[in-house]
C-alpha atoms as a PDB file:
ATOM      1  CA  UNK A   1      -9.051  -6.576  24.965  1.00  0.00           C
ATOM      2  CA  UNK A   2      -8.106  -2.921  23.732  1.00  0.00           C
ATOM      3  CA  UNK A   3      -8.522  -1.654  20.456  1.00  0.00           C
ATOM      4  CA  UNK A   4      -6.937   1.648  18.757  1.00  0.00           C
ATOM      5  CA  UNK A   5      -8.152   3.889  15.595  1.00  0.00           C
ATOM      6  CA  UNK A   6      -6.268   2.505  12.687  1.00  0.00           C
ATOM      7  CA  UNK A   7      -5.739   3.857   9.325  1.00  0.00           C
ATOM      8  CA  UNK A   8      -3.767   3.231   5.851  1.00  0.00           C
ATOM      9  CA  UNK A   9      -3.165   6.191   3.688  1.00  0.00           C
ATOM     10  CA  UNK A  10      -1.859   6.748   0.243  1.00  0.00           C
ATOM     11  CA  UNK A  11       0.837   9.687   0.731  1.00  0.00           C
ATOM     12  CA  UNK A  12       1.504  11.890  -1.817  1.00  0.00           C
ATOM     13  CA  UNK A  13      -1.112  11.123  -4.087  1.00  0.00           C
ATOM     14  CA  UNK A  14      -4.125  12.565  -4.731  1.00  0.00           C
ATOM     15  CA  UNK A  15      -5.518   8.519  -5.259  1.00  0.00           C
ATOM     16  CA  UNK A  16      -6.104   5.522  -3.403  1.00  0.00           C
ATOM     17  CA  UNK A  17      -3.226   3.167  -3.730  1.00  0.00           C
ATOM     18  CA  UNK A  18      -0.533   5.280  -5.240  1.00  0.00           C
ATOM     19  CA  UNK A  19       2.191   7.294  -3.717  1.00  0.00           C
ATOM     20  CA  UNK A  20       3.531   5.546  -0.487  1.00  0.00           C
ATOM     21  CA  UNK A  21       1.275   3.957   2.132  1.00  0.00           C
ATOM     22  CA  UNK A  22       1.217   4.491   5.381  1.00  0.00           C
ATOM     23  CA  UNK A  23      -0.526   3.188   8.661  1.00  0.00           C
ATOM     24  CA  UNK A  24      -1.437   5.507  11.366  1.00  0.00           C
ATOM     25  CA  UNK A  25      -2.495   4.635  14.636  1.00  0.00           C
ATOM     26  CA  UNK A  26      -4.305   7.425  16.925  1.00  0.00           C
ATOM     27  CA  UNK A  27      -4.096   7.558  20.833  1.00  0.00           C
ATOM     28  CA  UNK A  28      -0.817   5.745  21.081  1.00  0.00           C
ATOM     29  CA  UNK A  29       0.396   6.961  23.903  1.00  0.00           C
ATOM     30  CA  UNK A  30      -0.081   4.295  26.324  1.00  0.00           C
ATOM     31  CA  UNK A  31       1.700   1.616  23.745  1.00  0.00           C
ATOM     32  CA  UNK A  32       4.799   0.479  24.286  1.00  0.00           C
ATOM     33  CA  UNK A  33       7.821   0.604  22.208  1.00  0.00           C
ATOM     34  CA  UNK A  34       7.409  -3.461  21.616  1.00  0.00           C
ATOM     35  CA  UNK A  35       3.966  -2.520  21.421  1.00  0.00           C
ATOM     36  CA  UNK A  36       4.504  -0.263  18.518  1.00  0.00           C
ATOM     37  CA  UNK A  37       6.939  -1.984  16.927  1.00  0.00           C
ATOM     38  CA  UNK A  38       4.634  -5.183  16.668  1.00  0.00           C
ATOM     39  CA  UNK A  39       2.067  -3.166  15.150  1.00  0.00           C
ATOM     40  CA  UNK A  40       4.254  -1.733  12.312  1.00  0.00           C
ATOM     41  CA  UNK A  41       5.700  -5.289  11.732  1.00  0.00           C
ATOM     42  CA  UNK A  42       1.976  -6.502  11.250  1.00  0.00           C
ATOM     43  CA  UNK A  43       1.209  -3.436   9.366  1.00  0.00           C
ATOM     44  CA  UNK A  44       3.739  -4.718   6.860  1.00  0.00           C
ATOM     45  CA  UNK A  45       4.252  -1.309   5.341  1.00  0.00           C
ATOM     46  CA  UNK A  46       7.533   1.115   5.199  1.00  0.00           C
ATOM     47  CA  UNK A  47       6.230   2.996   8.297  1.00  0.00           C
ATOM     48  CA  UNK A  48       3.530   3.277  10.695  1.00  0.00           C
ATOM     49  CA  UNK A  49       2.989   7.027  12.265  1.00  0.00           C
ATOM     50  CA  UNK A  50       1.823   6.793  16.231  1.00  0.00           C
ATOM     51  CA  UNK A  51      -0.079   9.870  17.189  1.00  0.00           C
ATOM     52  CA  UNK A  52      -0.548  10.942  20.565  1.00  0.00           C
ATOM     53  CA  UNK A  53      -0.845  13.541  22.877  1.00  0.00           C
ATOM     54  CA  UNK A  54       2.104  15.989  23.736  1.00  0.00           C
ATOM     55  CA  UNK A  55       3.140  18.718  26.232  1.00  0.00           C
ATOM     56  CA  UNK A  56       5.604  20.201  24.003  1.00  0.00           C
ATOM     57  CA  UNK A  57       2.780  20.217  20.988  1.00  0.00           C
ATOM     58  CA  UNK A  58      -0.378  19.328  19.303  1.00  0.00           C
ATOM     59  CA  UNK A  59       0.218  16.077  19.258  1.00  0.00           C
ATOM     60  CA  UNK A  60       3.410  13.602  19.269  1.00  0.00           C
ATOM     61  CA  UNK A  61       4.172  11.376  16.072  1.00  0.00           C
ATOM     62  CA  UNK A  62       6.153   8.330  16.634  1.00  0.00           C
ATOM     63  CA  UNK A  63       7.625   6.462  13.449  1.00  0.00           C
ATOM     64  CA  UNK A  64       8.840   2.885  13.051  1.00  0.00           C
ATOM     65  CA  UNK A  65       9.887   0.609  10.541  1.00  0.00           C
ATOM     66  CA  UNK A  66       8.543  -3.212  10.296  1.00  0.00           C
ATOM     67  CA  UNK A  67      12.309  -3.863  12.425  1.00  0.00           C
ATOM     68  CA  UNK A  68      13.304  -0.235  13.850  1.00  0.00           C
ATOM     69  CA  UNK A  69      12.077   3.327  14.941  1.00  0.00           C
ATOM     70  CA  UNK A  70      12.891   5.916  12.946  1.00  0.00           C
ATOM     71  CA  UNK A  71      13.487   9.653  13.879  1.00  0.00           C
ATOM     72  CA  UNK A  72      11.279  11.395  11.198  1.00  0.00           C
ATOM     73  CA  UNK A  73       9.325  10.401   8.305  1.00  0.00           C
ATOM     74  CA  UNK A  74       7.862  12.662   5.715  1.00  0.00           C
ATOM     75  CA  UNK A  75       4.997  10.679   3.804  1.00  0.00           C
ATOM     76  CA  UNK A  76       3.809   8.992   7.318  1.00  0.00           C
ATOM     77  CA  UNK A  77       4.130  12.606   8.691  1.00  0.00           C
ATOM     78  CA  UNK A  78       1.754  13.860   5.738  1.00  0.00           C
ATOM     79  CA  UNK A  79      -0.108  10.218   6.155  1.00  0.00           C
ATOM     80  CA  UNK A  80      -0.869  11.240  10.064  1.00  0.00           C
ATOM     81  CA  UNK A  81      -1.868  14.884   9.385  1.00  0.00           C
ATOM     82  CA  UNK A  82      -4.509  13.710   6.934  1.00  0.00           C
ATOM     83  CA  UNK A  83      -6.017  11.687   9.157  1.00  0.00           C
ATOM     84  CA  UNK A  84      -6.324  14.317  11.576  1.00  0.00           C
ATOM     85  CA  UNK A  85      -7.909  16.622   8.940  1.00  0.00           C
ATOM     86  CA  UNK A  86     -10.115  13.988   7.875  1.00  0.00           C
ATOM     87  CA  UNK A  87     -11.322  12.697  11.665  1.00  0.00           C
ATOM     88  CA  UNK A  88     -11.597  16.596  12.780  1.00  0.00           C
ATOM     89  CA  UNK A  89      -8.742  16.983  14.847  1.00  0.00           C
ATOM     90  CA  UNK A  90      -6.893  19.348  12.934  1.00  0.00           C
ATOM     91  CA  UNK A  91      -8.312  22.089  10.730  1.00  0.00           C
ATOM     92  CA  UNK A  92      -7.735  22.863   6.758  1.00  0.00           C
ATOM     93  CA  UNK A  93      -6.135  26.342   6.529  1.00  0.00           C
ATOM     94  CA  UNK A  94      -4.020  25.757  10.217  1.00  0.00           C
ATOM     95  CA  UNK A  95      -1.450  24.799  11.680  1.00  0.00           C
ATOM     96  CA  UNK A  96      -0.329  21.658  13.508  1.00  0.00           C
ATOM     97  CA  UNK A  97       2.683  21.260  15.503  1.00  0.00           C
ATOM     98  CA  UNK A  98       4.482  17.631  15.922  1.00  0.00           C
ATOM     99  CA  UNK A  99       6.968  17.021  18.880  1.00  0.00           C
ATOM    100  CA  UNK A 100       9.194  14.098  17.237  1.00  0.00           C
ATOM    101  CA  UNK A 101      12.658  12.763  18.141  1.00  0.00           C
ATOM    102  CA  UNK A 102      14.223  15.660  15.829  1.00  0.00           C
ATOM    103  CA  UNK A 103      12.082  18.315  17.526  1.00  0.00           C
ATOM    104  CA  UNK A 104       9.051  20.355  17.208  1.00  0.00           C
ATOM    105  CA  UNK A 105       8.391  20.587  13.922  1.00  0.00           C
ATOM    106  CA  UNK A 106       5.703  22.908  11.993  1.00  0.00           C
ATOM    107  CA  UNK A 107       3.263  21.092   9.373  1.00  0.00           C
ATOM    108  CA  UNK A 108       0.613  23.509   7.379  1.00  0.00           C
ATOM    109  CA  UNK A 109      -2.468  22.426   6.351  1.00  0.00           C
ATOM    110  CA  UNK A 110      -3.823  24.006   3.057  1.00  0.00           C
ATOM    111  CA  UNK A 111      -7.242  23.789   1.397  1.00  0.00           C
ATOM    112  CA  UNK A 112      -6.742  23.461  -2.388  1.00  0.00           C
ATOM    113  CA  UNK A 113      -9.685  22.592  -5.213  1.00  0.00           C
ATOM    114  CA  UNK A 114      -7.788  19.250  -5.801  1.00  0.00           C
ATOM    115  CA  UNK A 115      -7.937  18.459  -1.523  1.00  0.00           C
ATOM    116  CA  UNK A 116      -6.236  19.194   1.280  1.00  0.00           C
ATOM    117  CA  UNK A 117      -2.355  19.871   0.484  1.00  0.00           C
ATOM    118  CA  UNK A 118       0.065  19.516   3.443  1.00  0.00           C
ATOM    119  CA  UNK A 119       3.713  20.801   4.001  1.00  0.00           C
ATOM    120  CA  UNK A 120       5.582  19.789   6.248  1.00  0.00           C
ATOM    121  CA  UNK A 121       9.083  22.135   7.558  1.00  0.00           C
ATOM    122  CA  UNK A 122      11.515  19.353   7.971  1.00  0.00           C
ATOM    123  CA  UNK A 123      14.985  19.579  10.527  1.00  0.00           C
ATOM    124  CA  UNK A 124      17.817  22.113   9.737  1.00  0.00           C
ATOM    125  CA  UNK A 125      20.224  20.438   6.757  1.00  0.00           C
ATOM    126  CA  UNK A 126      22.839  18.772   7.771  1.00  0.00           C
ATOM    127  CA  UNK A 127      26.042  17.659   5.623  1.00  0.00           C
ATOM    128  CA  UNK A 128      28.388  14.749   5.879  1.00  0.00           C
ATOM    129  CA  UNK A 129      30.796  13.337   3.501  1.00  0.00           C
ATOM    130  CA  UNK A 130      30.806   9.549   3.065  1.00  0.00           C
ATOM    131  CA  UNK A 131      33.670   7.164   3.483  1.00  0.00           C
ATOM    132  CA  UNK A 132      33.254   5.793  -0.376  1.00  0.00           C
ATOM    133  CA  UNK A 133      33.425   7.588  -3.900  1.00  0.00           C
ATOM    134  CA  UNK A 134      31.220   7.874  -6.902  1.00  0.00           C
ATOM    135  CA  UNK A 135      32.439   4.924  -8.576  1.00  0.00           C
ATOM    136  CA  UNK A 136      32.188   2.753  -5.373  1.00  0.00           C
ATOM    137  CA  UNK A 137      28.356   4.313  -5.006  1.00  0.00           C
ATOM    138  CA  UNK A 138      27.565   3.988  -8.653  1.00  0.00           C
ATOM    139  CA  UNK A 139      28.938   0.083  -8.140  1.00  0.00           C
ATOM    140  CA  UNK A 140      26.440  -0.288  -5.467  1.00  0.00           C
ATOM    141  CA  UNK A 141      22.942   0.521  -8.038  1.00  0.00           C
ATOM    142  CA  UNK A 142      24.799  -1.841 -10.620  1.00  0.00           C
ATOM    143  CA  UNK A 143      26.055   0.953 -12.910  1.00  0.00           C
ATOM    144  CA  UNK A 144      29.078   2.263 -14.231  1.00  0.00           C
ATOM    145  CA  UNK A 145      30.355   5.443 -13.170  1.00  0.00           C
ATOM    146  CA  UNK A 146      29.938   7.385 -16.712  1.00  0.00           C
ATOM    147  CA  UNK A 147      25.901   7.389 -15.856  1.00  0.00           C
ATOM    148  CA  UNK A 148      26.719   9.774 -12.580  1.00  0.00           C
ATOM    149  CA  UNK A 149      25.864  13.497 -12.852  1.00  0.00           C
ATOM    150  CA  UNK A 150      28.812  16.395 -12.132  1.00  0.00           C
ATOM    151  CA  UNK A 151      26.913  16.828  -8.559  1.00  0.00           C
ATOM    152  CA  UNK A 152      29.500  15.417  -5.415  1.00  0.00           C
ATOM    153  CA  UNK A 153      28.254  12.057  -3.499  1.00  0.00           C
ATOM    154  CA  UNK A 154      26.976  13.646  -0.076  1.00  0.00           C
ATOM    155  CA  UNK A 155      24.962  12.644   2.703  1.00  0.00           C
ATOM    156  CA  UNK A 156      22.195  14.955   3.780  1.00  0.00           C
ATOM    157  CA  UNK A 157      19.492  15.477   6.189  1.00  0.00           C
ATOM    158  CA  UNK A 158      16.687  17.262   7.432  1.00  0.00           C
ATOM    159  CA  UNK A 159      15.548  14.843   9.791  1.00  0.00           C
ATOM    160  CA  UNK A 160      16.464  11.314   8.066  1.00  0.00           C
ATOM    161  CA  UNK A 161      20.321  11.123   6.528  1.00  0.00           C
ATOM    162  CA  UNK A 162      20.283  10.038   3.050  1.00  0.00           C
ATOM    163  CA  UNK A 163      23.459   9.267   0.569  1.00  0.00           C
ATOM    164  CA  UNK A 164      22.918  11.222  -2.456  1.00  0.00           C
ATOM    165  CA  UNK A 165      23.945  10.220  -6.129  1.00  0.00           C
ATOM    166  CA  UNK A 166      23.203  12.209  -8.919  1.00  0.00           C
ATOM    167  CA  UNK A 167      22.425  10.657 -12.026  1.00  0.00           C
ATOM    168  CA  UNK A 168      22.991  12.664 -15.811  1.00  0.00           C
ATOM    169  CA  UNK A 169      19.773  11.267 -17.146  1.00  0.00           C
ATOM    170  CA  UNK A 170      16.369  10.117 -15.897  1.00  0.00           C
ATOM    171  CA  UNK A 171      16.508   6.856 -18.103  1.00  0.00           C
ATOM    172  CA  UNK A 172      19.212   5.653 -16.255  1.00  0.00           C
ATOM    173  CA  UNK A 173      16.690   5.090 -13.099  1.00  0.00           C
ATOM    174  CA  UNK A 174      14.758   2.258 -14.741  1.00  0.00           C
ATOM    175  CA  UNK A 175      18.024   0.401 -15.364  1.00  0.00           C
ATOM    176  CA  UNK A 176      19.704   0.354 -11.919  1.00  0.00           C
ATOM    177  CA  UNK A 177      20.115  -3.144 -10.385  1.00  0.00           C
ATOM    178  CA  UNK A 178      20.535  -2.388  -6.331  1.00  0.00           C
ATOM    179  CA  UNK A 179      22.692  -4.679  -4.758  1.00  0.00           C
ATOM    180  CA  UNK A 180      20.651  -4.631  -1.580  1.00  0.00           C
ATOM    181  CA  UNK A 181      23.316  -6.116   1.220  1.00  0.00           C
ATOM    182  CA  UNK A 182      26.254  -3.828   0.187  1.00  0.00           C
ATOM    183  CA  UNK A 183      23.901  -0.922   0.341  1.00  0.00           C
ATOM    184  CA  UNK A 184      23.087  -1.579   3.936  1.00  0.00           C
ATOM    185  CA  UNK A 185      26.519  -2.091   4.348  1.00  0.00           C
ATOM    186  CA  UNK A 186      27.917   0.919   3.064  1.00  0.00           C
ATOM    187  CA  UNK A 187      24.761   3.068   4.311  1.00  0.00           C
ATOM    188  CA  UNK A 188      25.969   2.063   7.898  1.00  0.00           C
ATOM    189  CA  UNK A 189      29.320   3.077   6.952  1.00  0.00           C
ATOM    190  CA  UNK A 190      28.203   6.304   5.691  1.00  0.00           C
ATOM    191  CA  UNK A 191      25.792   7.438   8.737  1.00  0.00           C
ATOM    192  CA  UNK A 192      22.871   7.420   6.208  1.00  0.00           C
ATOM    193  CA  UNK A 193      19.349   5.423   5.865  1.00  0.00           C
ATOM    194  CA  UNK A 194      19.692   4.736   2.085  1.00  0.00           C
ATOM    195  CA  UNK A 195      20.907   5.782  -0.793  1.00  0.00           C
ATOM    196  CA  UNK A 196      18.712   8.308  -2.836  1.00  0.00           C
ATOM    197  CA  UNK A 197      19.716   8.105  -6.754  1.00  0.00           C
ATOM    198  CA  UNK A 198      18.205  11.140  -8.605  1.00  0.00           C
ATOM    199  CA  UNK A 199      18.413  12.746 -11.710  1.00  0.00           C
ATOM    200  CA  UNK A 200      17.070  16.630 -12.221  1.00  0.00           C
ATOM    201  CA  UNK A 201      15.851  18.840 -15.436  1.00  0.00           C
ATOM    202  CA  UNK A 202      15.554  22.327 -13.962  1.00  0.00           C
ATOM    203  CA  UNK A 203      12.817  22.686 -11.221  1.00  0.00           C
ATOM    204  CA  UNK A 204      11.892  18.961 -11.724  1.00  0.00           C
ATOM    205  CA  UNK A 205      13.619  15.642 -10.303  1.00  0.00           C
ATOM    206  CA  UNK A 206      12.723  11.697 -10.891  1.00  0.00           C
ATOM    207  CA  UNK A 207      14.364   9.616  -7.756  1.00  0.00           C
ATOM    208  CA  UNK A 208      14.692   6.433  -6.410  1.00  0.00           C
ATOM    209  CA  UNK A 209      15.191   5.454  -2.897  1.00  0.00           C
ATOM    210  CA  UNK A 210      17.052   2.378  -1.255  1.00  0.00           C
ATOM    211  CA  UNK A 211      16.851   1.660   2.129  1.00  0.00           C
ATOM    212  CA  UNK A 212      17.623  -2.306   3.142  1.00  0.00           C
ATOM    213  CA  UNK A 213      19.427  -0.752   6.226  1.00  0.00           C
ATOM    214  CA  UNK A 214      15.523   0.292   7.666  1.00  0.00           C
ATOM    215  CA  UNK A 215      14.503  -3.169   6.283  1.00  0.00           C
ATOM    216  CA  UNK A 216      13.038  -0.952   3.074  1.00  0.00           C
ATOM    217  CA  UNK A 217      14.679  -2.502   0.277  1.00  0.00           C
ATOM    218  CA  UNK A 218      13.244   0.507  -2.217  1.00  0.00           C
ATOM    219  CA  UNK A 219      10.857   3.001  -1.012  1.00  0.00           C
ATOM    220  CA  UNK A 220       7.877   4.294  -3.383  1.00  0.00           C
ATOM    221  CA  UNK A 221       7.963   7.666  -2.579  1.00  0.00           C
ATOM    222  CA  UNK A 222      10.480   9.548   0.115  1.00  0.00           C
ATOM    223  CA  UNK A 223       9.559  12.890   1.723  1.00  0.00           C
ATOM    224  CA  UNK A 224      12.392  12.864   4.254  1.00  0.00           C
ATOM    225  CA  UNK A 225      14.722  12.424   1.038  1.00  0.00           C
ATOM    226  CA  UNK A 226      13.261  15.190  -1.104  1.00  0.00           C
ATOM    227  CA  UNK A 227      13.889  17.411   1.629  1.00  0.00           C
ATOM    228  CA  UNK A 228      17.586  16.484   2.011  1.00  0.00           C
ATOM    229  CA  UNK A 229      17.824  16.534  -1.593  1.00  0.00           C
ATOM    230  CA  UNK A 230      16.479  20.331  -2.108  1.00  0.00           C
ATOM    231  CA  UNK A 231      18.820  21.295   0.700  1.00  0.00           C
ATOM    232  CA  UNK A 232      21.496  19.756  -1.106  1.00  0.00           C
ATOM    233  CA  UNK A 233      20.585  20.914  -4.484  1.00  0.00           C
ATOM    234  CA  UNK A 234      20.636  24.824  -2.679  1.00  0.00           C
ATOM    235  CA  UNK A 235      23.624  24.487  -1.156  1.00  0.00           C
ATOM    236  CA  UNK A 236      25.451  23.570  -4.576  1.00  0.00           C
ATOM    237  CA  UNK A 237      23.678  26.151  -6.277  1.00  0.00           C
ATOM    238  CA  UNK A 238      22.625  23.556  -8.726  1.00  0.00           C
ATOM    239  CA  UNK A 239      18.884  24.849  -8.580  1.00  0.00           C
ATOM    240  CA  UNK A 240      16.892  28.361  -8.460  1.00  0.00           C
ATOM    241  CA  UNK A 241      15.613  29.306  -4.603  1.00  0.00           C
ATOM    242  CA  UNK A 242      12.072  28.158  -6.163  1.00  0.00           C
ATOM    243  CA  UNK A 243       9.929  25.236  -5.620  1.00  0.00           C
ATOM    244  CA  UNK A 244      11.372  21.467  -6.642  1.00  0.00           C
ATOM    245  CA  UNK A 245       8.905  18.671  -7.926  1.00  0.00           C
ATOM    246  CA  UNK A 246      10.019  15.236  -7.241  1.00  0.00           C
ATOM    247  CA  UNK A 247       8.656  12.451  -8.848  1.00  0.00           C
ATOM    248  CA  UNK A 248       9.019   8.704  -7.503  1.00  0.00           C
ATOM    249  CA  UNK A 249       7.882   5.637  -7.534  1.00  0.00           C
ATOM    250  CA  UNK A 250       6.738   4.697 -10.904  1.00  0.00           C
ATOM    251  CA  UNK A 251       9.124   1.770 -11.197  1.00  0.00           C
ATOM    252  CA  UNK A 252       7.015   0.289  -8.260  1.00  0.00           C
ATOM    253  CA  UNK A 253       3.686   1.515  -9.811  1.00  0.00           C
ATOM    254  CA  UNK A 254       2.854   3.535  -7.489  1.00  0.00           C
ATOM    255  CA  UNK A 255       3.931   6.846  -8.593  1.00  0.00           C
ATOM    256  CA  UNK A 256       3.377   9.582  -6.435  1.00  0.00           C
ATOM    257  CA  UNK A 257       4.969  13.693  -6.791  1.00  0.00           C
ATOM    258  CA  UNK A 258       6.142  15.380  -3.553  1.00  0.00           C
ATOM    259  CA  UNK A 259       6.865  19.436  -3.701  1.00  0.00           C
ATOM    260  CA  UNK A 260       9.451  21.064  -1.706  1.00  0.00           C
ATOM    261  CA  UNK A 261      10.701  24.353  -1.166  1.00  0.00           C
ATOM    262  CA  UNK A 262      13.289  26.679   1.226  1.00  0.00           C
ATOM    263  CA  UNK A 263      11.514  27.806   4.113  1.00  0.00           C
ATOM    264  CA  UNK A 264      13.524  30.512   6.542  1.00  0.00           C
ATOM    265  CA  UNK A 265      16.851  28.323   6.309  1.00  0.00           C
ATOM    266  CA  UNK A 266      15.028  25.167   6.283  1.00  0.00           C
ATOM    267  CA  UNK A 267      13.065  23.115   3.557  1.00  0.00           C
ATOM    268  CA  UNK A 268       9.571  21.786   3.591  1.00  0.00           C
ATOM    269  CA  UNK A 269       8.251  19.341   1.899  1.00  0.00           C
ATOM    270  CA  UNK A 270       4.292  19.107   1.055  1.00  0.00           C
ATOM    271  CA  UNK A 271       2.024  16.608  -0.687  1.00  0.00           C
ATOM    272  CA  UNK A 272      -2.088  15.258  -0.638  1.00  0.00           C
ATOM    273  CA  UNK A 273      -2.868  12.205   0.675  1.00  0.00           C
ATOM    274  CA  UNK A 274      -5.678   9.646   0.397  1.00  0.00           C
ATOM    275  CA  UNK A 275      -7.147   7.064   2.809  1.00  0.00           C
ATOM    276  CA  UNK A 276      -7.918   3.793   1.873  1.00  0.00           C
ATOM    277  CA  UNK A 277      -8.559   1.555   4.740  1.00  0.00           C
ATOM    278  CA  UNK A 278     -10.189   2.488   8.116  1.00  0.00           C
ATOM    279  CA  UNK A 279     -10.788   0.407  10.937  1.00  0.00           C
ATOM    280  CA  UNK A 280      -9.484  -0.630  14.314  1.00  0.00           C
ATOM    281  CA  UNK A 281      -6.515  -2.624  15.445  1.00  0.00           C
ATOM    282  CA  UNK A 282      -5.742  -4.541  18.870  1.00  0.00           C
ATOM    283  CA  UNK A 283      -3.274  -3.464  21.274  1.00  0.00           C
ATOM    284  CA  UNK A 284      -0.572  -6.199  21.472  1.00  0.00           C
END
């Protein structure tokens, strides 16, 4: 029998059991795709990050939901790098490069009084128009079009495409009644992983992410969608060029906080993390 180091980490939270939990497996280079999917399914979290050696970067990262591999996951990246720092494979106040399906990404590690803040520079923003209108998108979440804000419905991606839906009031987020089967079908047509419903006031946003197409009805805190949101807001000149702070997850009682800011034509997202489980997992 062969075991690998295994962790569960609360990403985008300074406290265990908050934010978005992700599993992390170290020394995963010899694992088959089938074995990774088996582990991710058994871990039963929204994402599992598998870290291994890389010839192109400091480490290679692969990301699996319980049902499939995805190209990039923000909160699992934060969790993975947190484990690397915690276990002495990366230093605070350093830069770590990760080989991913969307290319080599830079991760910056900064020591702060509250802990270690981890910044992930995401892929170049991409945008597309979905094959549905705002009224149809609102209906997917069980609300009327009159609850929507003025910004356009659009698919944005900085690594994982999200269908962005602007709500006029933060309170509407607590009244959403998502139709998961319809959301999955609409996102498949739109080329999006899920719907990111958000409301924004100044430099602060509140959001929820529904991704049944990826086997995740609702994701507690979503770093890739947060990056896509900032890129979208900058494109439409709906925010000044500074930092955006996104809160997400309080409807699931797992509230977390994501920082997002422009970075040389791209965006980066940042957050804290906390390990709540450390052990070993049997290789399938």
